[in-house]
Amino acid sequence: MPLMVLTANRLRDGEVIYLAQDSRWTESLQEALATENAEEQGRLSALGEAAVEALELVEPYLMPVCRDGDNLNPVSQREIIRAAGPTVRRDLGKQSEQGPSEHV
């Protein structure tokens, strides 16, 4: 199985979130729980569905990532954009918090 993390959008503000190791939701991909284990991926999906029922988030799904040392990186262009924020203005969203060379 590929390395996956569970992602969704927080219902109250639409922010991209990831399920962390301690079963809390985080805005940081680097804090996400990443697993290659199919059973664990199923457990993560079930936690996402429970959070939908609790009206905490929408559209949870498993997202492929790759490791670069200690860092997790999205594999697809869509997820790179979701992780960085809107692409129309680099002075807004998560990319505004990064240095110029780190922009997507």
C-alpha atoms as a PDB file:
ATOM      1  CA  MET A   1       0.000   0.000   0.000  1.00  0.00           C
ATOM      2  CA  PRO A   2       1.214   3.545  -0.644  1.00  0.00           C
ATOM      3  CA  LEU A   3       1.940   5.923   2.231  1.00  0.00           C
ATOM      4  CA  MET A   4      -1.312   7.747   3.021  1.00  0.00           C
ATOM      5  CA  VAL A   5      -2.693  10.418   5.358  1.00  0.00           C
ATOM      6  CA  LEU A   6      -6.341  11.268   6.017  1.00  0.00           C
ATOM      7  CA  THR A   7      -7.353  14.743   4.895  1.00  0.00           C
ATOM      8  CA  ALA A   8     -10.610  16.693   4.875  1.00  0.00           C
ATOM      9  CA  ASN A   9     -11.939  20.232   5.159  1.00  0.00           C
ATOM     10  CA  ARG A  10     -13.009  21.611   8.527  1.00  0.00           C
ATOM     11  CA  LEU A  11     -16.719  22.390   8.399  1.00  0.00           C
ATOM     12  CA  ARG A  12     -16.675  25.684  10.306  1.00  0.00           C
ATOM     13  CA  ASP A  13     -14.131  27.484   8.086  1.00  0.00           C
ATOM     14  CA  GLY A  14     -13.225  25.208   5.165  1.00  0.00           C
ATOM     15  CA  GLU A  15      -9.564  24.913   6.207  1.00  0.00           C
ATOM     16  CA  VAL A  16      -7.657  21.879   4.926  1.00  0.00           C
ATOM     17  CA  ILE A  17      -6.950  19.533   7.837  1.00  0.00           C
ATOM     18  CA  TYR A  18      -5.156  16.236   8.453  1.00  0.00           C
ATOM     19  CA  LEU A  19      -5.619  13.544  11.079  1.00  0.00           C
ATOM     20  CA  ALA A  20      -2.666  13.576  13.500  1.00  0.00           C
ATOM     21  CA  GLN A  21      -1.150  10.725  15.533  1.00  0.00           C
ATOM     22  CA  ASP A  22      -3.192  11.528  18.622  1.00  0.00           C
ATOM     23  CA  SER A  23      -6.504  11.391  16.669  1.00  0.00           C
ATOM     24  CA  ARG A  24      -6.835  15.180  16.626  1.00  0.00           C
ATOM     25  CA  TRP A  25      -7.197  17.245  13.468  1.00  0.00           C
ATOM     26  CA  THR A  26      -4.348  19.556  12.478  1.00  0.00           C
ATOM     27  CA  GLU A  27      -3.739  22.121   9.742  1.00  0.00           C
ATOM     28  CA  SER A  28      -0.130  20.921   9.427  1.00  0.00           C
ATOM     29  CA  LEU A  29       0.646  18.112   7.012  1.00  0.00           C
ATOM     30  CA  GLN A  30       3.872  17.541   8.967  1.00  0.00           C
ATOM     31  CA  GLU A  31       1.832  16.520  12.036  1.00  0.00           C
ATOM     32  CA  ALA A  32      -0.329  14.063  10.069  1.00  0.00           C
ATOM     33  CA  LEU A  33      -0.337  10.358  10.795  1.00  0.00           C
ATOM     34  CA  ALA A  34       1.061   8.620   7.706  1.00  0.00           C
ATOM     35  CA  THR A  35       0.704   4.880   7.226  1.00  0.00           C
ATOM     36  CA  GLU A  36       1.228   2.207   4.582  1.00  0.00           C
ATOM     37  CA  ASN A  37      -0.816  -0.332   6.544  1.00  0.00           C
ATOM     38  CA  ALA A  38      -4.187  -1.131   4.921  1.00  0.00           C
ATOM     39  CA  GLU A  39      -5.866  -1.902   8.265  1.00  0.00           C
ATOM     40  CA  GLU A  40      -4.633   1.370   9.747  1.00  0.00           C
ATOM     41  CA  GLN A  41      -5.827   3.242   6.670  1.00  0.00           C
ATOM     42  CA  GLY A  42      -9.261   1.688   7.182  1.00  0.00           C
ATOM     43  CA  ARG A  43      -9.232   2.832  10.818  1.00  0.00           C
ATOM     44  CA  LEU A  44      -8.313   6.363   9.736  1.00  0.00           C
ATOM     45  CA  SER A  45     -11.157   6.397   7.208  1.00  0.00           C
ATOM     46  CA  ALA A  46     -13.601   5.289   9.917  1.00  0.00           C
ATOM     47  CA  LEU A  47     -12.413   8.140  12.174  1.00  0.00           C
ATOM     48  CA  GLY A  48     -13.015  10.549   9.303  1.00  0.00           C
ATOM     49  CA  GLU A  49     -16.543   9.268   8.755  1.00  0.00           C
ATOM     50  CA  ALA A  50     -17.275   9.587  12.487  1.00  0.00           C
ATOM     51  CA  ALA A  51     -16.093  13.212  12.347  1.00  0.00           C
ATOM     52  CA  VAL A  52     -18.445  13.845   9.397  1.00  0.00           C
ATOM     53  CA  GLU A  53     -21.340  12.487  11.451  1.00  0.00           C
ATOM     54  CA  ALA A  54     -20.272  14.775  14.331  1.00  0.00           C
ATOM     55  CA  LEU A  55     -20.415  17.726  11.880  1.00  0.00           C
ATOM     56  CA  GLU A  56     -16.719  18.532  12.348  1.00  0.00           C
ATOM     57  CA  LEU A  57     -15.533  18.162   8.750  1.00  0.00           C
ATOM     58  CA  VAL A  58     -16.521  17.301   5.192  1.00  0.00           C
ATOM     59  CA  GLU A  59     -15.182  14.965   2.511  1.00  0.00           C
ATOM     60  CA  PRO A  60     -12.494  12.976   4.332  1.00  0.00           C
ATOM     61  CA  TYR A  61     -10.285  10.853   2.096  1.00  0.00           C
ATOM     62  CA  LEU A  62      -6.921   9.149   2.103  1.00  0.00           C
ATOM     63  CA  MET A  63      -4.241  11.156   0.340  1.00  0.00           C
ATOM     64  CA  PRO A  64      -0.946   9.715  -0.942  1.00  0.00           C
ATOM     65  CA  VAL A  65       2.201  11.352   0.400  1.00  0.00           C
ATOM     66  CA  CYS A  66       5.920  10.699   0.183  1.00  0.00           C
ATOM     67  CA  ARG A  67       8.645  11.138   2.775  1.00  0.00           C
ATOM     68  CA  ASP A  68      11.595  13.421   2.191  1.00  0.00           C
ATOM     69  CA  GLY A  69      13.697  12.852   5.290  1.00  0.00           C
ATOM     70  CA  ASP A  70      11.430  13.822   8.183  1.00  0.00           C
ATOM     71  CA  ASN A  71       9.007  15.760   5.952  1.00  0.00           C
ATOM     72  CA  LEU A  72       5.759  14.602   4.398  1.00  0.00           C
ATOM     73  CA  ASN A  73       5.025  15.935   0.917  1.00  0.00           C
ATOM     74  CA  PRO A  74       1.839  15.646  -1.133  1.00  0.00           C
ATOM     75  CA  VAL A  75       2.208  13.563  -4.292  1.00  0.00           C
ATOM     76  CA  SER A  76      -0.385  15.181  -6.566  1.00  0.00           C
ATOM     77  CA  GLN A  77      -0.514  18.773  -7.784  1.00  0.00           C
ATOM     78  CA  ARG A  78      -4.032  19.102  -6.344  1.00  0.00           C
ATOM     79  CA  GLU A  79      -2.805  18.198  -2.863  1.00  0.00           C
ATOM     80  CA  ILE A  80       0.238  20.459  -3.168  1.00  0.00           C
ATOM     81  CA  ILE A  81      -2.153  23.342  -3.829  1.00  0.00           C
ATOM     82  CA  ARG A  82      -4.523  22.308  -1.011  1.00  0.00           C
ATOM     83  CA  ALA A  83      -1.588  22.147   1.420  1.00  0.00           C
ATOM     84  CA  ALA A  84      -0.311  25.614   0.434  1.00  0.00           C
ATOM     85  CA  GLY A  85      -3.596  27.495   0.122  1.00  0.00           C
ATOM     86  CA  PRO A  86      -5.073  29.620  -2.678  1.00  0.00           C
ATOM     87  CA  THR A  87      -2.927  30.095  -5.774  1.00  0.00           C
ATOM     88  CA  VAL A  88      -4.382  33.414  -6.894  1.00  0.00           C
ATOM     89  CA  ARG A  89      -2.448  35.513  -4.331  1.00  0.00           C
ATOM     90  CA  ARG A  90       0.768  34.376  -2.737  1.00  0.00           C
ATOM     91  CA  ASP A  91       0.379  36.983   0.019  1.00  0.00           C
ATOM     92  CA  LEU A  92      -2.643  35.093   1.405  1.00  0.00           C
ATOM     93  CA  GLY A  93      -3.040  31.642   2.907  1.00  0.00           C
ATOM     94  CA  LYS A  94      -0.365  29.275   4.098  1.00  0.00           C
ATOM     95  CA  GLN A  95       2.085  30.258   1.366  1.00  0.00           C
ATOM     96  CA  SER A  96       2.275  33.788   2.819  1.00  0.00           C
ATOM     97  CA  GLU A  97       3.857  32.272   5.934  1.00  0.00           C
ATOM     98  CA  GLN A  98       6.692  30.663   3.933  1.00  0.00           C
ATOM     99  CA  GLY A  99       9.847  32.180   2.554  1.00  0.00           C
ATOM    100  CA  PRO A 100       9.984  33.134  -1.156  1.00  0.00           C
ATOM    101  CA  SER A 101      11.833  29.971  -2.175  1.00  0.00           C
ATOM    102  CA  GLU A 102       9.249  27.721  -0.519  1.00  0.00           C
ATOM    103  CA  HIS A 103       6.265  28.838  -2.604  1.00  0.00           C
ATOM    104  CA  VAL A 104       4.419  26.234  -4.586  1.00  0.00           C
END
